[in-house]
Amino acid sequence: MNNALTKIATAQAAAGGRYPRFGRYLLEVEVIRTKEGFKGDSAIAELKVRESEPLAGGETPSRPGETVDYVENLSDQKKGGGGRFKSFLMTLVGADEYEFANPAALKKFFDERQAGTHLLIRCEVFPKQLPVKEGHAGKVISGYRWSHVEMNDEQLAQAEHARKASKLPALTDALA
């Protein structure tokens, strides 16, 4: 049998991207990774919805327990995906930009240490209208407003317990 057909037949059917719907969220980082693909390099944060609420007059947001993805294309510098993902990481840990000025400072989030895993972050996903351009109608995309979460002792203990269960180093070691 054709190998490509076998891959299709044995794959789980995709239901589209796992992008968060418009709404306000408390999210827990499950994993942060990069991916090389035919459209270039991407940075991806897989996030578990802990709490959600709709925007005023908006649609139903993604539900607690769902996993959603925050993805930025890093290959087209004009689109600013690298800067947006850097802002996400800075907000996640409450850091300043100079702390993320070199690749070595970022590595701990993407390698086996997974420094951001099980940390919490707030996000508002809102409709963002793009202007009409070169004869193409303007479209609506998702905008993201990230907010740092200062985790309390109970939340930190839960994060450390989850990191230990996942065989990840303690946060203090991973973030060092």
N, C-alpha and C. Protein backbone atom coordinates (compact mmCIF):
# COMPACT_ATOMS: atom_id res chain seq x y z
N MET A 1 0.85 -1.19 0.00
CA MET A 1 0.00 0.00 0.00
C MET A 1 0.89 1.24 0.00
N ASN A 2 0.40 2.32 -0.56
CA ASN A 2 1.12 3.58 -0.64
C ASN A 2 1.43 4.10 0.76
N ASN A 3 2.71 4.43 1.04
CA ASN A 3 3.14 4.88 2.35
C ASN A 3 2.43 6.16 2.79
N ALA A 4 2.23 7.10 1.88
CA ALA A 4 1.54 8.35 2.21
C ALA A 4 0.10 8.07 2.64
N LEU A 5 -0.56 7.15 1.96
CA LEU A 5 -1.95 6.82 2.31
C LEU A 5 -2.02 6.15 3.69
N THR A 6 -1.02 5.34 4.00
CA THR A 6 -0.97 4.70 5.30
C THR A 6 -0.83 5.76 6.40
N LYS A 7 0.02 6.76 6.17
CA LYS A 7 0.20 7.82 7.15
C LYS A 7 -1.10 8.59 7.38
N ILE A 8 -1.83 8.83 6.30
CA ILE A 8 -3.12 9.53 6.43
C ILE A 8 -4.12 8.67 7.17
N ALA A 9 -4.21 7.41 6.78
CA ALA A 9 -5.20 6.51 7.37
C ALA A 9 -4.98 6.29 8.86
N THR A 10 -3.72 6.27 9.29
CA THR A 10 -3.43 5.97 10.69
C THR A 10 -3.30 7.22 11.56
N ALA A 11 -3.39 8.40 10.96
CA ALA A 11 -3.29 9.65 11.72
C ALA A 11 -4.63 9.99 12.36
N GLN A 12 -4.56 10.71 13.47
CA GLN A 12 -5.77 11.22 14.11
C GLN A 12 -6.27 12.40 13.29
N ALA A 13 -7.57 12.45 13.06
CA ALA A 13 -8.14 13.54 12.27
C ALA A 13 -7.92 14.87 12.98
N ALA A 14 -7.49 15.86 12.24
CA ALA A 14 -7.25 17.19 12.80
C ALA A 14 -8.54 17.98 12.78
N ALA A 15 -8.78 18.71 13.84
CA ALA A 15 -9.98 19.53 13.93
C ALA A 15 -9.63 21.00 13.76
N GLY A 16 -8.51 21.27 13.09
CA GLY A 16 -8.06 22.65 12.93
C GLY A 16 -7.07 22.99 14.02
N GLY A 17 -6.60 24.22 14.01
CA GLY A 17 -5.63 24.66 15.00
C GLY A 17 -6.22 24.68 16.39
N ARG A 18 -5.36 24.66 17.36
CA ARG A 18 -5.81 24.71 18.76
C ARG A 18 -5.59 26.12 19.30
N TYR A 19 -6.03 27.09 18.57
CA TYR A 19 -5.83 28.47 18.97
C TYR A 19 -6.94 28.89 19.94
N PRO A 20 -6.60 29.73 20.94
CA PRO A 20 -7.64 30.16 21.88
C PRO A 20 -8.65 31.06 21.19
N ARG A 21 -9.91 30.89 21.56
CA ARG A 21 -10.95 31.79 21.06
C ARG A 21 -10.83 33.11 21.80
N PHE A 22 -11.52 34.13 21.29
CA PHE A 22 -11.50 35.43 21.96
C PHE A 22 -12.01 35.26 23.39
N GLY A 23 -11.31 35.87 24.34
CA GLY A 23 -11.71 35.78 25.74
C GLY A 23 -10.57 36.18 26.66
N ARG A 24 -10.83 36.11 27.96
CA ARG A 24 -9.82 36.39 28.99
C ARG A 24 -9.47 35.07 29.67
N TYR A 25 -8.18 34.86 29.91
CA TYR A 25 -7.72 33.55 30.39
C TYR A 25 -6.68 33.64 31.49
N LEU A 26 -6.68 32.61 32.33
CA LEU A 26 -5.54 32.26 33.16
C LEU A 26 -5.03 30.97 32.54
N LEU A 27 -3.78 30.97 32.12
CA LEU A 27 -3.21 29.84 31.38
C LEU A 27 -2.01 29.27 32.13
N GLU A 28 -1.81 27.97 31.99
CA GLU A 28 -0.64 27.30 32.55
C GLU A 28 0.19 26.77 31.40
N VAL A 29 1.48 27.07 31.41
CA VAL A 29 2.37 26.61 30.34
C VAL A 29 2.57 25.10 30.47
N GLU A 30 2.31 24.38 29.37
CA GLU A 30 2.56 22.94 29.34
C GLU A 30 3.94 22.65 28.74
N VAL A 31 4.27 23.33 27.65
CA VAL A 31 5.58 23.16 27.01
C VAL A 31 5.83 24.36 26.10
N ILE A 32 7.10 24.71 25.95
CA ILE A 32 7.51 25.75 25.02
C ILE A 32 8.53 25.10 24.09
N ARG A 33 8.34 25.28 22.79
CA ARG A 33 9.24 24.62 21.84
C ARG A 33 9.37 25.44 20.57
N THR A 34 10.31 25.05 19.76
CA THR A 34 10.43 25.63 18.42
C THR A 34 10.15 24.53 17.42
N LYS A 35 9.82 24.95 16.22
CA LYS A 35 9.54 23.99 15.16
C LYS A 35 10.04 24.57 13.85
N GLU A 36 10.73 23.74 13.09
CA GLU A 36 11.15 24.13 11.76
C GLU A 36 10.15 23.52 10.79
N GLY A 37 9.64 24.35 9.89
CA GLY A 37 8.66 23.87 8.93
C GLY A 37 8.85 24.51 7.57
N PHE A 38 7.99 24.16 6.64
CA PHE A 38 8.13 24.68 5.29
C PHE A 38 7.85 26.18 5.21
N LYS A 39 7.16 26.74 6.21
CA LYS A 39 6.91 28.19 6.24
C LYS A 39 7.94 28.91 7.09
N GLY A 40 8.94 28.19 7.60
CA GLY A 40 9.99 28.79 8.40
C GLY A 40 9.97 28.29 9.83
N ASP A 41 10.72 28.96 10.66
CA ASP A 41 10.82 28.59 12.07
C ASP A 41 9.68 29.22 12.87
N SER A 42 9.17 28.47 13.83
CA SER A 42 8.11 28.95 14.70
C SER A 42 8.46 28.70 16.15
N ALA A 43 7.95 29.56 17.02
CA ALA A 43 8.01 29.34 18.47
C ALA A 43 6.58 29.02 18.90
N ILE A 44 6.44 28.00 19.72
CA ILE A 44 5.11 27.53 20.11
C ILE A 44 5.05 27.35 21.62
N ALA A 45 4.03 27.89 22.23
CA ALA A 45 3.74 27.63 23.64
C ALA A 45 2.43 26.88 23.69
N GLU A 46 2.46 25.68 24.26
CA GLU A 46 1.23 24.92 24.49
C GLU A 46 0.77 25.28 25.89
N LEU A 47 -0.48 25.73 25.99
CA LEU A 47 -1.01 26.30 27.23
C LEU A 47 -2.30 25.61 27.64
N LYS A 48 -2.41 25.27 28.91
CA LYS A 48 -3.66 24.68 29.43
C LYS A 48 -4.51 25.80 30.00
N VAL A 49 -5.78 25.84 29.60
CA VAL A 49 -6.70 26.84 30.10
C VAL A 49 -7.08 26.46 31.53
N ARG A 50 -6.76 27.35 32.48
CA ARG A 50 -7.14 27.13 33.88
C ARG A 50 -8.45 27.84 34.20
N GLU A 51 -8.60 29.07 33.69
CA GLU A 51 -9.84 29.85 33.87
C GLU A 51 -10.09 30.58 32.57
N SER A 52 -11.39 30.82 32.27
CA SER A 52 -11.72 31.61 31.07
C SER A 52 -13.01 32.36 31.29
N GLU A 53 -13.12 33.49 30.61
CA GLU A 53 -14.36 34.25 30.61
C GLU A 53 -14.46 34.95 29.26
N PRO A 54 -15.68 35.14 28.79
CA PRO A 54 -15.85 35.79 27.48
C PRO A 54 -15.56 37.28 27.55
N LEU A 55 -15.22 37.85 26.41
CA LEU A 55 -15.14 39.30 26.29
C LEU A 55 -16.56 39.84 26.30
N ALA A 56 -16.74 41.11 26.62
CA ALA A 56 -18.08 41.71 26.65
C ALA A 56 -18.77 41.47 25.31
N GLY A 57 -19.93 40.82 25.34
CA GLY A 57 -20.70 40.55 24.12
C GLY A 57 -20.03 39.59 23.16
N GLY A 58 -19.02 38.86 23.64
CA GLY A 58 -18.25 37.99 22.76
C GLY A 58 -18.73 36.55 22.74
N GLU A 59 -18.03 35.77 21.94
CA GLU A 59 -18.32 34.34 21.80
C GLU A 59 -17.86 33.59 23.04
N THR A 60 -18.18 32.32 23.09
CA THR A 60 -17.75 31.46 24.19
C THR A 60 -16.25 31.24 24.08
N PRO A 61 -15.50 31.50 25.15
CA PRO A 61 -14.04 31.29 25.10
C PRO A 61 -13.70 29.81 25.17
N SER A 62 -12.43 29.51 24.96
CA SER A 62 -11.95 28.13 25.15
C SER A 62 -12.20 27.75 26.61
N ARG A 63 -12.55 26.49 26.84
CA ARG A 63 -12.97 26.03 28.16
C ARG A 63 -11.78 25.62 29.04
N PRO A 64 -11.94 25.77 30.37
CA PRO A 64 -10.91 25.26 31.27
C PRO A 64 -10.66 23.77 31.01
N GLY A 65 -9.39 23.39 31.04
CA GLY A 65 -8.99 22.02 30.75
C GLY A 65 -8.51 21.83 29.32
N GLU A 66 -8.94 22.70 28.41
CA GLU A 66 -8.49 22.60 27.02
C GLU A 66 -7.04 23.03 26.91
N THR A 67 -6.34 22.48 25.93
CA THR A 67 -4.99 22.94 25.61
C THR A 67 -5.09 23.79 24.36
N VAL A 68 -4.47 24.98 24.41
CA VAL A 68 -4.46 25.90 23.28
C VAL A 68 -3.01 26.22 22.94
N ASP A 69 -2.78 26.68 21.73
CA ASP A 69 -1.43 27.00 21.27
C ASP A 69 -1.29 28.48 21.01
N TYR A 70 -0.16 29.03 21.41
CA TYR A 70 0.25 30.37 21.02
C TYR A 70 1.46 30.17 20.11
N VAL A 71 1.33 30.58 18.84
CA VAL A 71 2.35 30.31 17.83
C VAL A 71 2.78 31.62 17.17
N GLU A 72 4.08 31.78 17.01
CA GLU A 72 4.62 32.92 16.27
C GLU A 72 5.61 32.43 15.24
N ASN A 73 5.49 32.95 14.01
CA ASN A 73 6.45 32.68 12.95
C ASN A 73 7.67 33.55 13.21
N LEU A 74 8.84 32.94 13.27
CA LEU A 74 10.07 33.66 13.57
C LEU A 74 10.87 34.02 12.32
N SER A 75 10.48 33.49 11.17
CA SER A 75 11.29 33.65 9.96
C SER A 75 11.09 34.97 9.23
N ASP A 76 9.94 35.60 9.36
CA ASP A 76 9.69 36.86 8.68
C ASP A 76 9.83 38.00 9.69
N GLN A 77 11.02 38.62 9.73
CA GLN A 77 11.29 39.66 10.73
C GLN A 77 10.35 40.85 10.60
N LYS A 78 9.85 41.12 9.40
CA LYS A 78 8.94 42.25 9.20
C LYS A 78 7.64 42.07 9.96
N LYS A 79 7.27 40.81 10.22
CA LYS A 79 6.01 40.54 10.93
C LYS A 79 6.15 40.57 12.44
N GLY A 80 7.38 40.61 12.96
CA GLY A 80 7.60 40.80 14.38
C GLY A 80 7.29 39.64 15.30
N GLY A 81 7.20 38.42 14.78
CA GLY A 81 6.86 37.28 15.63
C GLY A 81 7.87 37.01 16.72
N GLY A 82 9.16 37.20 16.41
CA GLY A 82 10.20 36.99 17.42
C GLY A 82 10.04 37.94 18.59
N GLY A 83 9.75 39.19 18.29
CA GLY A 83 9.55 40.19 19.34
C GLY A 83 8.32 39.90 20.18
N ARG A 84 7.24 39.44 19.54
CA ARG A 84 6.03 39.11 20.30
C ARG A 84 6.27 37.91 21.21
N PHE A 85 7.02 36.90 20.71
CA PHE A 85 7.28 35.73 21.55
C PHE A 85 8.22 36.10 22.70
N LYS A 86 9.17 36.99 22.43
CA LYS A 86 10.05 37.48 23.51
C LYS A 86 9.22 38.18 24.57
N SER A 87 8.26 38.99 24.16
CA SER A 87 7.37 39.68 25.11
C SER A 87 6.58 38.68 25.95
N PHE A 88 6.10 37.61 25.31
CA PHE A 88 5.39 36.55 26.04
C PHE A 88 6.30 35.97 27.13
N LEU A 89 7.55 35.61 26.78
CA LEU A 89 8.47 35.02 27.75
C LEU A 89 8.81 36.01 28.86
N MET A 90 9.04 37.27 28.50
CA MET A 90 9.36 38.29 29.50
C MET A 90 8.20 38.46 30.49
N THR A 91 6.99 38.50 29.96
CA THR A 91 5.81 38.65 30.81
C THR A 91 5.62 37.42 31.70
N LEU A 92 5.87 36.24 31.14
CA LEU A 92 5.72 34.99 31.89
C LEU A 92 6.53 35.02 33.18
N VAL A 93 7.77 35.49 33.11
CA VAL A 93 8.63 35.46 34.30
C VAL A 93 8.84 36.83 34.92
N GLY A 94 8.18 37.86 34.38
CA GLY A 94 8.31 39.20 34.94
C GLY A 94 9.69 39.78 34.76
N ALA A 95 10.28 39.59 33.59
CA ALA A 95 11.66 40.03 33.32
C ALA A 95 11.68 41.27 32.43
N ASP A 96 12.84 41.90 32.39
CA ASP A 96 13.07 43.04 31.50
C ASP A 96 13.74 42.56 30.22
N GLU A 97 13.64 43.37 29.17
CA GLU A 97 14.15 42.96 27.86
C GLU A 97 15.64 42.66 27.87
N TYR A 98 16.43 43.42 28.60
CA TYR A 98 17.88 43.17 28.60
C TYR A 98 18.22 41.77 29.10
N GLU A 99 17.33 41.17 29.92
CA GLU A 99 17.57 39.82 30.42
C GLU A 99 17.37 38.75 29.34
N PHE A 100 16.79 39.16 28.21
CA PHE A 100 16.52 38.22 27.12
C PHE A 100 17.23 38.66 25.84
N ALA A 101 18.36 39.34 25.99
CA ALA A 101 19.06 39.92 24.85
C ALA A 101 19.95 38.94 24.10
N ASN A 102 20.13 37.73 24.59
CA ASN A 102 20.95 36.77 23.84
C ASN A 102 20.32 35.38 23.87
N PRO A 103 20.64 34.57 22.86
CA PRO A 103 20.03 33.23 22.76
C PRO A 103 20.27 32.35 23.98
N ALA A 104 21.42 32.49 24.64
CA ALA A 104 21.72 31.65 25.80
C ALA A 104 20.70 31.88 26.92
N ALA A 105 20.22 33.12 27.07
CA ALA A 105 19.23 33.43 28.10
C ALA A 105 17.87 32.79 27.78
N LEU A 106 17.60 32.57 26.51
CA LEU A 106 16.32 32.00 26.08
C LEU A 106 16.32 30.47 26.09
N LYS A 107 17.51 29.89 25.97
CA LYS A 107 17.63 28.44 25.79
C LYS A 107 16.91 27.63 26.87
N LYS A 108 16.98 28.10 28.12
CA LYS A 108 16.39 27.36 29.25
C LYS A 108 14.88 27.15 29.12
N PHE A 109 14.22 27.97 28.29
CA PHE A 109 12.77 27.82 28.09
C PHE A 109 12.45 26.74 27.06
N PHE A 110 13.41 26.45 26.18
CA PHE A 110 13.17 25.54 25.06
C PHE A 110 13.86 24.19 25.22
N ASP A 111 14.90 24.10 26.06
CA ASP A 111 15.61 22.83 26.19
C ASP A 111 14.96 21.95 27.27
N GLU A 112 15.69 20.95 27.71
CA GLU A 112 15.13 19.98 28.66
C GLU A 112 14.75 20.59 30.00
N ARG A 113 15.24 21.78 30.33
CA ARG A 113 14.87 22.43 31.59
C ARG A 113 13.44 22.95 31.57
N GLN A 114 12.94 23.33 30.38
CA GLN A 114 11.57 23.84 30.24
C GLN A 114 11.24 24.82 31.37
N ALA A 115 12.04 25.89 31.47
CA ALA A 115 11.94 26.82 32.59
C ALA A 115 10.55 27.45 32.76
N GLY A 116 9.76 27.54 31.71
CA GLY A 116 8.44 28.15 31.84
C GLY A 116 7.31 27.18 32.15
N THR A 117 7.60 25.88 32.06
CA THR A 117 6.55 24.88 32.24
C THR A 117 5.94 24.93 33.65
N HIS A 118 4.61 24.95 33.68
CA HIS A 118 3.77 25.00 34.88
C HIS A 118 3.69 26.39 35.51
N LEU A 119 4.28 27.41 34.86
CA LEU A 119 4.06 28.78 35.31
C LEU A 119 2.72 29.27 34.78
N LEU A 120 2.16 30.26 35.43
CA LEU A 120 0.86 30.82 35.03
C LEU A 120 1.06 32.16 34.34
N ILE A 121 0.16 32.47 33.41
CA ILE A 121 0.16 33.76 32.73
C ILE A 121 -1.29 34.10 32.40
N ARG A 122 -1.61 35.38 32.46
CA ARG A 122 -2.95 35.83 32.05
C ARG A 122 -2.86 36.35 30.62
N CYS A 123 -3.97 36.20 29.91
CA CYS A 123 -4.00 36.65 28.53
C CYS A 123 -5.41 37.08 28.14
N GLU A 124 -5.48 38.16 27.41
CA GLU A 124 -6.72 38.55 26.77
C GLU A 124 -6.51 38.37 25.27
N VAL A 125 -7.33 37.52 24.67
CA VAL A 125 -7.28 37.30 23.23
C VAL A 125 -8.44 38.09 22.65
N PHE A 126 -8.12 39.05 21.78
CA PHE A 126 -9.13 39.96 21.28
C PHE A 126 -9.08 40.04 19.75
N PRO A 127 -10.22 40.41 19.13
CA PRO A 127 -10.22 40.55 17.67
C PRO A 127 -9.43 41.79 17.25
N LYS A 128 -8.56 41.60 16.27
CA LYS A 128 -7.71 42.68 15.78
C LYS A 128 -7.96 42.81 14.27
N GLN A 129 -8.47 43.95 13.85
CA GLN A 129 -8.81 44.17 12.45
C GLN A 129 -7.57 44.62 11.68
N LEU A 130 -7.20 43.86 10.65
CA LEU A 130 -6.11 44.27 9.77
C LEU A 130 -6.67 45.18 8.68
N PRO A 131 -5.89 46.16 8.24
CA PRO A 131 -6.37 47.07 7.20
C PRO A 131 -6.42 46.40 5.82
N VAL A 132 -7.21 46.99 4.94
CA VAL A 132 -7.25 46.55 3.55
C VAL A 132 -5.88 46.82 2.95
N LYS A 133 -5.35 45.85 2.19
CA LYS A 133 -3.99 45.99 1.67
C LYS A 133 -3.90 45.40 0.27
N GLU A 134 -3.41 46.18 -0.66
CA GLU A 134 -3.18 45.72 -2.04
C GLU A 134 -4.37 44.96 -2.62
N GLY A 135 -5.54 45.52 -2.47
CA GLY A 135 -6.72 44.91 -3.06
C GLY A 135 -7.29 43.74 -2.27
N HIS A 136 -6.65 43.36 -1.17
CA HIS A 136 -7.17 42.28 -0.33
C HIS A 136 -7.97 42.88 0.81
N ALA A 137 -9.12 42.30 1.07
CA ALA A 137 -9.96 42.77 2.16
C ALA A 137 -9.22 42.62 3.48
N GLY A 138 -9.43 43.56 4.39
CA GLY A 138 -8.83 43.44 5.71
C GLY A 138 -9.45 42.26 6.44
N LYS A 139 -8.65 41.53 7.20
CA LYS A 139 -9.21 40.39 7.91
C LYS A 139 -9.03 40.59 9.40
N VAL A 140 -9.75 39.79 10.17
CA VAL A 140 -9.68 39.85 11.63
C VAL A 140 -8.78 38.71 12.11
N ILE A 141 -7.79 39.08 12.91
CA ILE A 141 -6.89 38.09 13.50
C ILE A 141 -6.98 38.21 15.02
N SER A 142 -6.32 37.30 15.72
CA SER A 142 -6.30 37.35 17.18
C SER A 142 -5.14 38.22 17.64
N GLY A 143 -5.46 39.16 18.53
CA GLY A 143 -4.44 39.92 19.23
C GLY A 143 -4.29 39.34 20.62
N TYR A 144 -3.10 39.45 21.20
CA TYR A 144 -2.82 38.89 22.52
C TYR A 144 -2.30 39.98 23.43
N ARG A 145 -2.90 40.11 24.62
CA ARG A 145 -2.42 41.00 25.67
C ARG A 145 -2.04 40.14 26.85
N TRP A 146 -0.73 40.02 27.12
CA TRP A 146 -0.23 39.15 28.18
C TRP A 146 -0.07 39.94 29.47
N SER A 147 -0.33 39.29 30.61
CA SER A 147 -0.13 39.90 31.93
C SER A 147 0.58 38.90 32.83
N HIS A 148 1.59 39.40 33.54
CA HIS A 148 2.36 38.56 34.47
C HIS A 148 1.48 38.13 35.65
N VAL A 149 1.66 36.90 36.09
CA VAL A 149 0.98 36.40 37.29
C VAL A 149 2.04 36.20 38.37
N GLU A 150 1.90 36.93 39.45
CA GLU A 150 2.78 36.74 40.61
C GLU A 150 2.16 35.58 41.39
N MET A 151 2.78 34.41 41.26
CA MET A 151 2.21 33.21 41.85
C MET A 151 2.34 33.23 43.37
N ASN A 152 1.25 32.83 44.06
CA ASN A 152 1.29 32.75 45.52
C ASN A 152 1.96 31.44 45.94
N ASP A 153 2.14 31.26 47.24
CA ASP A 153 2.85 30.08 47.74
C ASP A 153 2.18 28.77 47.32
N GLU A 154 0.86 28.74 47.35
CA GLU A 154 0.13 27.52 46.96
C GLU A 154 0.34 27.22 45.47
N GLN A 155 0.26 28.24 44.63
CA GLN A 155 0.46 28.05 43.20
C GLN A 155 1.89 27.61 42.90
N LEU A 156 2.86 28.20 43.59
CA LEU A 156 4.26 27.79 43.40
C LEU A 156 4.47 26.34 43.83
N ALA A 157 3.85 25.95 44.94
CA ALA A 157 3.98 24.56 45.41
C ALA A 157 3.37 23.60 44.38
N GLN A 158 2.21 23.98 43.82
CA GLN A 158 1.58 23.14 42.78
C GLN A 158 2.48 23.04 41.55
N ALA A 159 3.08 24.16 41.15
CA ALA A 159 3.97 24.16 39.99
C ALA A 159 5.18 23.27 40.24
N GLU A 160 5.77 23.38 41.44
CA GLU A 160 6.94 22.56 41.76
C GLU A 160 6.58 21.08 41.81
N HIS A 161 5.42 20.76 42.36
CA HIS A 161 4.96 19.36 42.40
C HIS A 161 4.78 18.83 40.97
N ALA A 162 4.14 19.61 40.12
CA ALA A 162 3.91 19.20 38.73
C ALA A 162 5.24 19.06 37.99
N ARG A 163 6.19 19.96 38.24
CA ARG A 163 7.50 19.87 37.59
C ARG A 163 8.22 18.59 38.03
N LYS A 164 8.13 18.27 39.33
CA LYS A 164 8.78 17.06 39.84
C LYS A 164 8.16 15.82 39.20
N ALA A 165 6.82 15.81 39.10
CA ALA A 165 6.12 14.67 38.48
C ALA A 165 6.50 14.53 37.00
N SER A 166 6.80 15.65 36.35
CA SER A 166 7.20 15.65 34.94
C SER A 166 8.70 15.44 34.78
N LYS A 167 9.41 15.19 35.89
CA LYS A 167 10.85 14.99 35.91
C LYS A 167 11.62 16.21 35.37
N LEU A 168 11.09 17.40 35.71
CA LEU A 168 11.76 18.65 35.34
C LEU A 168 12.48 19.20 36.58
N PRO A 169 13.56 19.95 36.38
CA PRO A 169 14.25 20.53 37.53
C PRO A 169 13.37 21.57 38.26
N ALA A 170 13.70 21.83 39.51
CA ALA A 170 12.99 22.84 40.28
C ALA A 170 13.08 24.18 39.56
N LEU A 171 12.06 25.02 39.75
CA LEU A 171 12.02 26.32 39.07
C LEU A 171 13.27 27.14 39.31
N THR A 172 13.75 27.19 40.55
CA THR A 172 14.94 28.00 40.83
C THR A 172 16.14 27.53 40.03
N ASP A 173 16.28 26.20 39.85
CA ASP A 173 17.37 25.66 39.05
C ASP A 173 17.15 25.91 37.55
N ALA A 174 15.91 25.72 37.10
CA ALA A 174 15.60 25.88 35.67
C ALA A 174 15.74 27.34 35.22
N LEU A 175 15.38 28.27 36.10
CA LEU A 175 15.42 29.69 35.73
C LEU A 175 16.80 30.32 35.95
N ALA A 176 17.70 29.61 36.60
CA ALA A 176 19.04 30.16 36.89
C ALA A 176 19.84 30.39 35.62
